[in-house]
C-alpha atoms as a PDB file:
ATOM      1  CA  MET A   1      -1.779  32.065 -35.846  1.00  0.00           C
ATOM      2  CA  THR A   2      -4.248  32.724 -32.815  1.00  0.00           C
ATOM      3  CA  THR A   3      -5.849  29.315 -33.085  1.00  0.00           C
ATOM      4  CA  LEU A   4      -2.443  27.803 -33.033  1.00  0.00           C
ATOM      5  CA  LYS A   5      -1.143  29.252 -30.001  1.00  0.00           C
ATOM      6  CA  ALA A   6      -4.498  28.496 -28.292  1.00  0.00           C
ATOM      7  CA  SER A   7      -4.076  24.839 -29.320  1.00  0.00           C
ATOM      8  CA  LEU A   8      -0.282  24.784 -27.893  1.00  0.00           C
ATOM      9  CA  LYS A   9      -1.511  26.516 -24.625  1.00  0.00           C
ATOM     10  CA  THR A  10      -4.251  23.909 -24.091  1.00  0.00           C
ATOM     11  CA  ILE A  11      -2.052  21.036 -24.868  1.00  0.00           C
ATOM     12  CA  LYS A  12       0.500  22.499 -22.464  1.00  0.00           C
ATOM     13  CA  ARG A  13      -1.924  23.020 -19.587  1.00  0.00           C
ATOM     14  CA  ASN A  14      -4.181  19.791 -19.975  1.00  0.00           C
ATOM     15  CA  TYR A  15      -1.939  17.222 -21.780  1.00  0.00           C
ATOM     16  CA  TRP A  16       1.637  17.658 -21.138  1.00  0.00           C
ATOM     17  CA  PRO A  17       1.408  17.164 -17.239  1.00  0.00           C
ATOM     18  CA  LEU A  18      -0.118  13.809 -17.937  1.00  0.00           C
ATOM     19  CA  ILE A  19       3.124  12.558 -18.955  1.00  0.00           C
ATOM     20  CA  LYS A  20       5.174  13.621 -16.034  1.00  0.00           C
ATOM     21  CA  SER A  21       7.937  14.978 -18.290  1.00  0.00           C
ATOM     22  CA  LEU A  22      10.950  14.599 -15.779  1.00  0.00           C
ATOM     23  CA  GLN A  23      10.227  11.118 -14.908  1.00  0.00           C
ATOM     24  CA  THR A  24       9.763  10.208 -18.543  1.00  0.00           C
ATOM     25  CA  ALA A  25      12.895  11.878 -19.556  1.00  0.00           C
ATOM     26  CA  LEU A  26      14.634   9.976 -16.696  1.00  0.00           C
ATOM     27  CA  LEU A  27      13.466   6.425 -17.798  1.00  0.00           C
ATOM     28  CA  LEU A  28      14.185   7.654 -21.489  1.00  0.00           C
ATOM     29  CA  ILE A  29      17.754   8.298 -20.676  1.00  0.00           C
ATOM     30  CA  THR A  30      18.318   4.909 -19.130  1.00  0.00           C
ATOM     31  CA  GLY A  31      17.030   3.450 -21.891  1.00  0.00           C
ATOM     32  CA  LEU A  32      19.503   5.507 -23.987  1.00  0.00           C
ATOM     33  CA  ALA A  33      22.104   4.580 -21.710  1.00  0.00           C
ATOM     34  CA  GLY A  34      21.416   0.640 -21.940  1.00  0.00           C
ATOM     35  CA  PHE A  35      21.611   0.924 -25.700  1.00  0.00           C
ATOM     36  CA  MET A  36      24.675   3.032 -25.660  1.00  0.00           C
ATOM     37  CA  SER A  37      26.568   0.624 -23.489  1.00  0.00           C
ATOM     38  CA  ALA A  38      26.209  -1.982 -26.165  1.00  0.00           C
ATOM     39  CA  ARG A  39      26.478  -0.220 -29.430  1.00  0.00           C
ATOM     40  CA  CYS A  40      28.209   2.976 -30.606  1.00  0.00           C
ATOM     41  CA  PRO A  41      25.208   5.621 -31.029  1.00  0.00           C
ATOM     42  CA  VAL A  42      27.378   7.380 -33.846  1.00  0.00           C
ATOM     43  CA  LEU A  43      27.321   4.430 -36.066  1.00  0.00           C
ATOM     44  CA  ASN A  44      23.627   3.720 -35.511  1.00  0.00           C
ATOM     45  CA  PRO A  45      21.736   7.014 -35.601  1.00  0.00           C
ATOM     46  CA  GLY A  46      18.550   5.724 -37.128  1.00  0.00           C
ATOM     47  CA  ILE A  47      18.317   3.059 -34.441  1.00  0.00           C
ATOM     48  CA  LEU A  48      18.922   5.579 -31.828  1.00  0.00           C
ATOM     49  CA  LEU A  49      16.093   7.856 -33.097  1.00  0.00           C
ATOM     50  CA  SER A  50      13.624   4.960 -33.205  1.00  0.00           C
ATOM     51  CA  LEU A  51      14.491   3.656 -29.755  1.00  0.00           C
ATOM     52  CA  SER A  52      13.799   7.207 -28.264  1.00  0.00           C
ATOM     53  CA  GLY A  53      10.566   7.543 -30.178  1.00  0.00           C
ATOM     54  CA  SER A  54       9.214   4.122 -29.292  1.00  0.00           C
ATOM     55  CA  LEU A  55      10.471   4.488 -25.608  1.00  0.00           C
ATOM     56  CA  PHE A  56       9.087   7.899 -25.237  1.00  0.00           C
ATOM     57  CA  LEU A  57       5.511   6.805 -26.359  1.00  0.00           C
ATOM     58  CA  ALA A  58       5.505   3.506 -24.520  1.00  0.00           C
ATOM     59  CA  ILE A  59       6.890   5.276 -21.190  1.00  0.00           C
ATOM     60  CA  SER A  60       4.395   8.235 -21.664  1.00  0.00           C
ATOM     61  CA  GLY A  61       1.448   6.080 -22.659  1.00  0.00           C
ATOM     62  CA  SER A  62       1.656   4.165 -19.432  1.00  0.00           C
ATOM     63  CA  THR A  63       1.968   7.222 -17.368  1.00  0.00           C
ATOM     64  CA  VAL A  64      -0.984   8.829 -19.039  1.00  0.00           C
ATOM     65  CA  LEU A  65      -2.836   5.431 -18.161  1.00  0.00           C
ATOM     66  CA  ASN A  66      -1.674   5.694 -14.779  1.00  0.00           C
ATOM     67  CA  MET A  67      -2.969   9.185 -14.432  1.00  0.00           C
ATOM     68  CA  TRP A  68      -6.250   8.380 -15.850  1.00  0.00           C
ATOM     69  CA  TYR A  69      -6.753   5.112 -13.544  1.00  0.00           C
ATOM     70  CA  ASP A  70      -5.362   7.137 -10.383  1.00  0.00           C
ATOM     71  CA  ARG A  71      -7.562  10.343 -10.779  1.00  0.00           C
ATOM     72  CA  ASP A  72      -9.848   9.472  -7.868  1.00  0.00           C
ATOM     73  CA  ILE A  73      -6.624   9.188  -5.700  1.00  0.00           C
ATOM     74  CA  ASP A  74      -5.293  12.222  -7.019  1.00  0.00           C
ATOM     75  CA  ALA A  75      -8.510  14.198  -6.309  1.00  0.00           C
ATOM     76  CA  ARG A  76      -7.916  13.305  -2.515  1.00  0.00           C
ATOM     77  CA  MET A  77      -4.225  14.546  -2.417  1.00  0.00           C
ATOM     78  CA  LYS A  78      -3.270  18.284  -1.947  1.00  0.00           C
ATOM     79  CA  ARG A  79      -0.307  17.577  -3.993  1.00  0.00           C
ATOM     80  CA  THR A  80      -2.055  16.417  -7.068  1.00  0.00           C
ATOM     81  CA  CYS A  81      -5.723  17.562  -6.758  1.00  0.00           C
ATOM     82  CA  GLN A  82      -4.965  20.345  -9.327  1.00  0.00           C
ATOM     83  CA  ARG A  83      -3.904  17.870 -12.166  1.00  0.00           C
ATOM     84  CA  PRO A  84      -5.814  18.105 -15.344  1.00  0.00           C
ATOM     85  CA  LEU A  85      -7.957  14.887 -14.507  1.00  0.00           C
ATOM     86  CA  PRO A  86      -9.014  15.503 -10.924  1.00  0.00           C
ATOM     87  CA  SER A  87      -9.367  19.161 -11.325  1.00  0.00           C
ATOM     88  CA  GLY A  88     -11.919  18.369 -14.200  1.00  0.00           C
ATOM     89  CA  GLN A  89      -9.867  20.573 -16.887  1.00  0.00           C
ATOM     90  CA  LEU A  90      -9.577  17.369 -19.007  1.00  0.00           C
ATOM     91  CA  ALA A  91     -12.261  14.599 -19.774  1.00  0.00           C
ATOM     92  CA  PRO A  92     -11.179  11.116 -18.526  1.00  0.00           C
ATOM     93  CA  SER A  93     -12.239   9.510 -21.845  1.00  0.00           C
ATOM     94  CA  LYS A  94      -9.485  12.045 -23.605  1.00  0.00           C
ATOM     95  CA  ALA A  95      -6.723  10.972 -21.340  1.00  0.00           C
ATOM     96  CA  LEU A  96      -7.556   7.303 -21.820  1.00  0.00           C
ATOM     97  CA  ALA A  97      -7.658   7.585 -25.669  1.00  0.00           C
ATOM     98  CA  LEU A  98      -4.441   9.293 -25.451  1.00  0.00           C
ATOM     99  CA  GLY A  99      -2.844   6.660 -23.096  1.00  0.00           C
ATOM    100  CA  LEU A 100      -3.991   3.875 -24.983  1.00  0.00           C
ATOM    101  CA  GLY A 101      -2.933   5.285 -28.369  1.00  0.00           C
ATOM    102  CA  MET A 102       0.524   6.250 -27.162  1.00  0.00           C
ATOM    103  CA  SER A 103       1.005   2.951 -25.611  1.00  0.00           C
ATOM    104  CA  ALA A 104       0.074   1.125 -28.603  1.00  0.00           C
ATOM    105  CA  LEU A 105       2.222   3.133 -30.993  1.00  0.00           C
ATOM    106  CA  GLY A 106       5.059   2.916 -28.651  1.00  0.00           C
ATOM    107  CA  VAL A 107       4.785  -1.038 -28.301  1.00  0.00           C
ATOM    108  CA  GLY A 108       3.997  -1.689 -31.949  1.00  0.00           C
ATOM    109  CA  TRP A 109       7.037   0.457 -32.863  1.00  0.00           C
ATOM    110  CA  ALA A 110       9.189  -1.493 -30.615  1.00  0.00           C
ATOM    111  CA  PHE A 111       8.158  -4.919 -32.079  1.00  0.00           C
ATOM    112  CA  MET A 112       8.709  -3.615 -35.516  1.00  0.00           C
ATOM    113  CA  MET A 113      12.486  -2.908 -34.573  1.00  0.00           C
ATOM    114  CA  MET A 114      12.847  -6.054 -32.811  1.00  0.00           C
ATOM    115  CA  PRO A 115      10.376  -8.659 -31.226  1.00  0.00           C
ATOM    116  CA  LEU A 116      12.505  -9.007 -28.169  1.00  0.00           C
ATOM    117  CA  TYR A 117      12.999  -5.450 -27.650  1.00  0.00           C
ATOM    118  CA  GLY A 118       8.933  -4.987 -28.085  1.00  0.00           C
ATOM    119  CA  LEU A 119       8.531  -7.922 -25.405  1.00  0.00           C
ATOM    120  CA  VAL A 120      10.641  -6.136 -22.905  1.00  0.00           C
ATOM    121  CA  ILE A 121       8.936  -2.790 -23.600  1.00  0.00           C
ATOM    122  CA  PHE A 122       5.333  -4.383 -23.476  1.00  0.00           C
ATOM    123  CA  ALA A 123       6.596  -6.314 -19.852  1.00  0.00           C
ATOM    124  CA  GLY A 124       7.564  -2.804 -18.470  1.00  0.00           C
ATOM    125  CA  LEU A 125       4.021  -1.211 -19.390  1.00  0.00           C
ATOM    126  CA  PHE A 126       2.203  -4.205 -18.126  1.00  0.00           C
ATOM    127  CA  PHE A 127       3.978  -4.383 -15.014  1.00  0.00           C
ATOM    128  CA  ASP A 128       3.367  -0.522 -14.476  1.00  0.00           C
ATOM    129  CA  VAL A 129      -0.159  -0.203 -15.464  1.00  0.00           C
ATOM    130  CA  VAL A 130      -1.872  -3.510 -14.696  1.00  0.00           C
ATOM    131  CA  ILE A 131       0.329  -5.050 -11.929  1.00  0.00           C
ATOM    132  CA  TYR A 132       1.451  -2.212 -10.078  1.00  0.00           C
ATOM    133  CA  THR A 133      -1.369   0.470 -10.549  1.00  0.00           C
ATOM    134  CA  MET A 134      -4.336  -1.408 -10.935  1.00  0.00           C
ATOM    135  CA  TRP A 135      -3.814  -4.389  -8.888  1.00  0.00           C
ATOM    136  CA  LEU A 136      -1.324  -3.758  -5.929  1.00  0.00           C
ATOM    137  CA  LYS A 137      -0.879  -0.025  -5.486  1.00  0.00           C
ATOM    138  CA  ARG A 138      -4.130   0.111  -3.428  1.00  0.00           C
ATOM    139  CA  ARG A 139      -3.480  -3.143  -1.574  1.00  0.00           C
ATOM    140  CA  THR A 140      -0.003  -3.361  -0.391  1.00  0.00           C
ATOM    141  CA  ALA A 141       2.853  -1.019   0.090  1.00  0.00           C
ATOM    142  CA  TRP A 142       5.038  -4.084  -1.628  1.00  0.00           C
ATOM    143  CA  GLY A 143       3.533  -2.751  -5.025  1.00  0.00           C
ATOM    144  CA  ILE A 144       6.458  -0.549  -5.400  1.00  0.00           C
ATOM    145  CA  VAL A 145       8.552  -3.667  -6.160  1.00  0.00           C
ATOM    146  CA  TRP A 146       6.502  -4.346  -9.290  1.00  0.00           C
ATOM    147  CA  GLY A 147       6.877  -0.592  -9.941  1.00  0.00           C
ATOM    148  CA  GLY A 148      10.484  -0.778  -9.571  1.00  0.00           C
ATOM    149  CA  ILE A 149      10.723  -3.903 -12.025  1.00  0.00           C
ATOM    150  CA  SER A 150       8.756  -1.729 -14.900  1.00  0.00           C
ATOM    151  CA  GLY A 151      11.125   1.148 -14.027  1.00  0.00           C
ATOM    152  CA  GLY A 152      14.041  -1.143 -14.860  1.00  0.00           C
ATOM    153  CA  MET A 153      12.633  -2.461 -18.213  1.00  0.00           C
ATOM    154  CA  PRO A 154      13.763   0.729 -20.217  1.00  0.00           C
ATOM    155  CA  VAL A 155      17.615   0.189 -19.543  1.00  0.00           C
ATOM    156  CA  LEU A 156      17.061  -3.339 -20.163  1.00  0.00           C
ATOM    157  CA  ALA A 157      15.209  -2.795 -23.583  1.00  0.00           C
ATOM    158  CA  GLY A 158      18.001  -0.274 -24.702  1.00  0.00           C
ATOM    159  CA  ARG A 159      20.754  -3.125 -23.967  1.00  0.00           C
ATOM    160  CA  VAL A 160      18.452  -5.663 -25.686  1.00  0.00           C
ATOM    161  CA  LEU A 161      18.129  -3.553 -28.815  1.00  0.00           C
ATOM    162  CA  GLY A 162      21.872  -2.910 -28.676  1.00  0.00           C
ATOM    163  CA  LEU A 163      22.787  -6.618 -28.348  1.00  0.00           C
ATOM    164  CA  GLY A 164      19.922  -8.660 -29.815  1.00  0.00           C
ATOM    165  CA  TYR A 165      19.550 -10.818 -26.652  1.00  0.00           C
ATOM    166  CA  ILE A 166      19.304 -10.612 -22.625  1.00  0.00           C
ATOM    167  CA  ASP A 167      22.499 -10.523 -20.962  1.00  0.00           C
ATOM    168  CA  TRP A 168      23.544 -10.636 -17.303  1.00  0.00           C
ATOM    169  CA  VAL A 169      25.033  -6.949 -17.737  1.00  0.00           C
ATOM    170  CA  GLY A 170      21.519  -5.647 -18.955  1.00  0.00           C
ATOM    171  CA  MET A 171      20.023  -7.684 -15.954  1.00  0.00           C
ATOM    172  CA  ALA A 172      22.568  -5.861 -13.362  1.00  0.00           C
ATOM    173  CA  LEU A 173      21.650  -2.387 -14.927  1.00  0.00           C
ATOM    174  CA  CYS A 174      17.679  -3.396 -14.421  1.00  0.00           C
ATOM    175  CA  LEU A 175      18.247  -4.486 -10.897  1.00  0.00           C
ATOM    176  CA  SER A 176      20.060  -1.084 -10.173  1.00  0.00           C
ATOM    177  CA  VAL A 177      17.048   0.895 -11.335  1.00  0.00           C
ATOM    178  CA  LEU A 178      14.835  -1.638  -9.250  1.00  0.00           C
ATOM    179  CA  PHE A 179      16.659  -0.973  -6.280  1.00  0.00           C
ATOM    180  CA  TRP A 180      17.080   2.759  -6.748  1.00  0.00           C
ATOM    181  CA  ILE A 181      13.226   3.206  -7.147  1.00  0.00           C
ATOM    182  CA  PRO A 182      12.532   2.702  -3.361  1.00  0.00           C
ATOM    183  CA  THR A 183      15.019   5.463  -2.597  1.00  0.00           C
ATOM    184  CA  HIS A 184      13.147   7.660  -4.791  1.00  0.00           C
ATOM    185  CA  ILE A 185       9.495   6.504  -3.705  1.00  0.00           C
ATOM    186  CA  LEU A 186       9.961   5.808  -0.127  1.00  0.00           C
ATOM    187  CA  THR A 187      11.421   9.146   0.467  1.00  0.00           C
ATOM    188  CA  PHE A 188       8.702  10.920  -1.275  1.00  0.00           C
ATOM    189  CA  SER A 189       6.000   8.780   0.612  1.00  0.00           C
ATOM    190  CA  MET A 190       7.712  10.174   3.845  1.00  0.00           C
ATOM    191  CA  ARG A 191       7.574  13.655   2.593  1.00  0.00           C
ATOM    192  CA  TYR A 192       3.997  13.535   1.636  1.00  0.00           C
ATOM    193  CA  PHE A 193       2.717  11.268   4.331  1.00  0.00           C
ATOM    194  CA  ASP A 194      -0.662  12.735   5.079  1.00  0.00           C
ATOM    195  CA  ASP A 195      -1.548  13.006   1.602  1.00  0.00           C
ATOM    196  CA  TYR A 196      -1.187   9.236   0.972  1.00  0.00           C
ATOM    197  CA  LYS A 197      -2.839   8.448   4.190  1.00  0.00           C
ATOM    198  CA  ASN A 198      -5.794  10.586   3.251  1.00  0.00           C
ATOM    199  CA  ALA A 199      -6.005   9.031  -0.234  1.00  0.00           C
ATOM    200  CA  GLY A 200      -5.959   5.547   1.507  1.00  0.00           C
ATOM    201  CA  VAL A 201      -2.710   4.253  -0.492  1.00  0.00           C
ATOM    202  CA  PRO A 202      -0.695   1.977   1.745  1.00  0.00           C
ATOM    203  CA  THR A 203       3.054   2.964   1.951  1.00  0.00           C
ATOM    204  CA  PHE A 204       6.127   1.644   3.780  1.00  0.00           C
ATOM    205  CA  PRO A 205       5.916   4.684   6.281  1.00  0.00           C
ATOM    206  CA  SER A 206       2.102   3.986   7.019  1.00  0.00           C
ATOM    207  CA  THR A 207       2.658   0.230   7.149  1.00  0.00           C
ATOM    208  CA  TYR A 208       5.926  -0.294   8.834  1.00  0.00           C
ATOM    209  CA  GLY A 209       6.784   3.139  10.285  1.00  0.00           C
ATOM    210  CA  PHE A 210       9.392   5.768   9.303  1.00  0.00           C
ATOM    211  CA  GLY A 211      12.297   3.881  11.117  1.00  0.00           C
ATOM    212  CA  THR A 212      11.951   0.713   9.214  1.00  0.00           C
ATOM    213  CA  THR A 213      11.401   2.816   5.828  1.00  0.00           C
ATOM    214  CA  ARG A 214      14.796   4.687   6.497  1.00  0.00           C
ATOM    215  CA  LYS A 215      16.580   1.334   6.937  1.00  0.00           C
ATOM    216  CA  VAL A 216      14.972   0.048   3.693  1.00  0.00           C
ATOM    217  CA  ILE A 217      16.101   2.924   1.897  1.00  0.00           C
ATOM    218  CA  ALA A 218      19.701   2.492   2.970  1.00  0.00           C
ATOM    219  CA  VAL A 219      19.945  -1.120   2.319  1.00  0.00           C
ATOM    220  CA  SER A 220      18.171  -0.561  -1.189  1.00  0.00           C
ATOM    221  CA  SER A 221      20.717   2.457  -1.994  1.00  0.00           C
ATOM    222  CA  LEU A 222      23.768   0.145  -1.371  1.00  0.00           C
ATOM    223  CA  ILE A 223      22.101  -2.641  -3.509  1.00  0.00           C
ATOM    224  CA  ALA A 224      21.540  -0.244  -6.340  1.00  0.00           C
ATOM    225  CA  ALA A 225      25.015   1.266  -6.091  1.00  0.00           C
ATOM    226  CA  ILE A 226      26.836  -2.336  -6.324  1.00  0.00           C
ATOM    227  CA  ALA A 227      24.408  -3.335  -9.273  1.00  0.00           C
ATOM    228  CA  ILE A 228      25.435  -0.198 -11.017  1.00  0.00           C
ATOM    229  CA  ALA A 229      29.106  -0.948 -10.426  1.00  0.00           C
ATOM    230  CA  ILE A 230      28.533  -4.708 -11.699  1.00  0.00           C
ATOM    231  CA  GLY A 231      26.971  -3.550 -14.814  1.00  0.00           C
ATOM    232  CA  ALA A 232      29.376  -0.799 -15.549  1.00  0.00           C
ATOM    233  CA  VAL A 233      32.440  -2.987 -14.947  1.00  0.00           C
ATOM    234  CA  GLY A 234      30.703  -5.897 -17.055  1.00  0.00           C
ATOM    235  CA  PHE A 235      30.318  -3.695 -20.338  1.00  0.00           C
ATOM    236  CA  GLY A 236      33.762  -2.288 -19.728  1.00  0.00           C
ATOM    237  CA  MET A 237      33.312   1.230 -18.703  1.00  0.00           C
ATOM    238  CA  ALA A 238      36.546   3.275 -18.571  1.00  0.00           C
ATOM    239  CA  VAL A 239      38.142   3.601 -15.064  1.00  0.00           C
ATOM    240  CA  GLY A 240      37.603   7.480 -14.783  1.00  0.00           C
ATOM    241  CA  TYR A 241      34.036   7.031 -15.359  1.00  0.00           C
ATOM    242  CA  LEU A 242      34.089   4.224 -12.680  1.00  0.00           C
ATOM    243  CA  ARG A 243      35.818   6.271 -10.353  1.00  0.00           C
ATOM    244  CA  VAL A 244      32.951   9.260 -10.803  1.00  0.00           C
ATOM    245  CA  ILE A 245      30.229   6.449 -10.499  1.00  0.00           C
ATOM    246  CA  ALA A 246      31.928   5.346  -7.174  1.00  0.00           C
ATOM    247  CA  VAL A 247      31.858   9.015  -5.846  1.00  0.00           C
ATOM    248  CA  LEU A 248      28.453   9.315  -6.533  1.00  0.00           C
ATOM    249  CA  SER A 249      27.475   6.079  -4.998  1.00  0.00           C
ATOM    250  CA  VAL A 250      29.219   6.906  -1.824  1.00  0.00           C
ATOM    251  CA  GLY A 251      27.415  10.143  -1.454  1.00  0.00           C
ATOM    252  CA  LEU A 252      24.025   8.267  -2.260  1.00  0.00           C
ATOM    253  CA  PHE A 253      24.777   5.561   0.586  1.00  0.00           C
ATOM    254  CA  LEU A 254      26.123   8.182   3.143  1.00  0.00           C
ATOM    255  CA  LEU A 255      22.802  10.346   2.633  1.00  0.00           C
ATOM    256  CA  ALA A 256      20.700   7.142   3.050  1.00  0.00           C
ATOM    257  CA  VAL A 257      22.736   6.169   6.435  1.00  0.00           C
ATOM    258  CA  GLY A 258      22.484   9.848   7.491  1.00  0.00           C
ATOM    259  CA  SER A 259      18.653   9.743   7.217  1.00  0.00           C
ATOM    260  CA  VAL A 260      18.672   6.553   9.553  1.00  0.00           C
ATOM    261  CA  TRP A 261      21.259   8.103  12.020  1.00  0.00           C
ATOM    262  CA  LYS A 262      19.877  11.731  12.148  1.00  0.00           C
ATOM    263  CA  PRO A 263      16.392  11.487  10.784  1.00  0.00           C
ATOM    264  CA  SER A 264      14.981  14.997   9.447  1.00  0.00           C
ATOM    265  CA  GLU A 265      12.764  16.436   6.941  1.00  0.00           C
ATOM    266  CA  ARG A 266      15.829  18.218   5.248  1.00  0.00           C
ATOM    267  CA  VAL A 267      17.890  15.055   4.992  1.00  0.00           C
ATOM    268  CA  ASN A 268      14.951  13.019   3.795  1.00  0.00           C
ATOM    269  CA  PHE A 269      14.216  15.621   1.063  1.00  0.00           C
ATOM    270  CA  GLY A 270      18.012  16.117   0.073  1.00  0.00           C
ATOM    271  CA  LEU A 271      18.064  12.356  -0.336  1.00  0.00           C
ATOM    272  CA  PHE A 272      15.142  12.457  -2.499  1.00  0.00           C
ATOM    273  CA  LYS A 273      16.687  15.128  -4.756  1.00  0.00           C
ATOM    274  CA  TYR A 274      20.039  13.452  -4.720  1.00  0.00           C
ATOM    275  CA  ALA A 275      18.717  10.164  -5.664  1.00  0.00           C
ATOM    276  CA  SER A 276      17.294  11.391  -8.927  1.00  0.00           C
ATOM    277  CA  LEU A 277      20.463  13.330  -9.731  1.00  0.00           C
ATOM    278  CA  TYR A 278      22.508  10.019  -8.920  1.00  0.00           C
ATOM    279  CA  MET A 279      20.725   7.901 -11.481  1.00  0.00           C
ATOM    280  CA  LEU A 280      20.719  10.710 -14.003  1.00  0.00           C
ATOM    281  CA  GLY A 281      24.274  11.072 -13.605  1.00  0.00           C
ATOM    282  CA  ALA A 282      25.270   7.335 -13.567  1.00  0.00           C
ATOM    283  CA  MET A 283      23.150   6.954 -16.874  1.00  0.00           C
ATOM    284  CA  LEU A 284      24.873   9.834 -18.656  1.00  0.00           C
ATOM    285  CA  LEU A 285      28.350   8.741 -17.754  1.00  0.00           C
ATOM    286  CA  MET A 286      27.416   5.089 -19.398  1.00  0.00           C
ATOM    287  CA  ALA A 287      26.154   7.176 -22.385  1.00  0.00           C
ATOM    288  CA  LEU A 288      29.379   9.135 -22.700  1.00  0.00           C
ATOM    289  CA  ASP A 289      31.429   5.946 -22.528  1.00  0.00           C
ATOM    290  CA  GLY A 290      29.610   4.401 -25.413  1.00  0.00           C
ATOM    291  CA  MET A 291      30.059   7.413 -27.516  1.00  0.00           C
END
């Protein structure tokens, strides 16, 4: 019993932080919402469980691989220097093995369920790890576009698994996440401007200034809200749920405009937190509507 407790403690301390559980959970929820927008989960519990398992492994695996590759950057940032890899609590080889193993299992499981579903999952992992993290993140602030594309893959994958093909509704939902991600990431990069500067990572605030970044956030938030509304109407969401999404969308846009009109650290951080709650709320409403 003592050995088991010690092992669980080690996993919680050294391995659990590698998957960024809150981020992984949010992306997993988008995938479930995408599936439930196309097929009733009550009648397909086995597929829903397999979707959850394959998505969790693929998303977590890509996150671990990102943490492994960015350990040198994390070591130069106050916010991240105490993570297991930069702090030396965990050997890089163990993190690499974990990331590759989880990624392979998740993608392989997805391909066995449906080749097209597996292809979308693989595309998300490839865009995230190879294109964004390894190639563009340290070179250009525009790398977040590719990070946004990878973030939109789970909801598209869920929709594909439910339908068996890619449709315009799935693409609209994918775009909603793509344009939501700048709101999330750019507000974060403004809050931790000095950290990213010290690490040598180009961001929109360091490249174009805070004023331009806030305008980009406002425009991106508006497009994300429109894309979610189009997708929701496309799959026939109930009017009551659509009204709630409309209210949430107005709140997101007003906060984004407020950050341009009267910029402050408080408004910026409030927008960052609200953006996550907004996406979570919108996806949960989609899931509820599909039940």
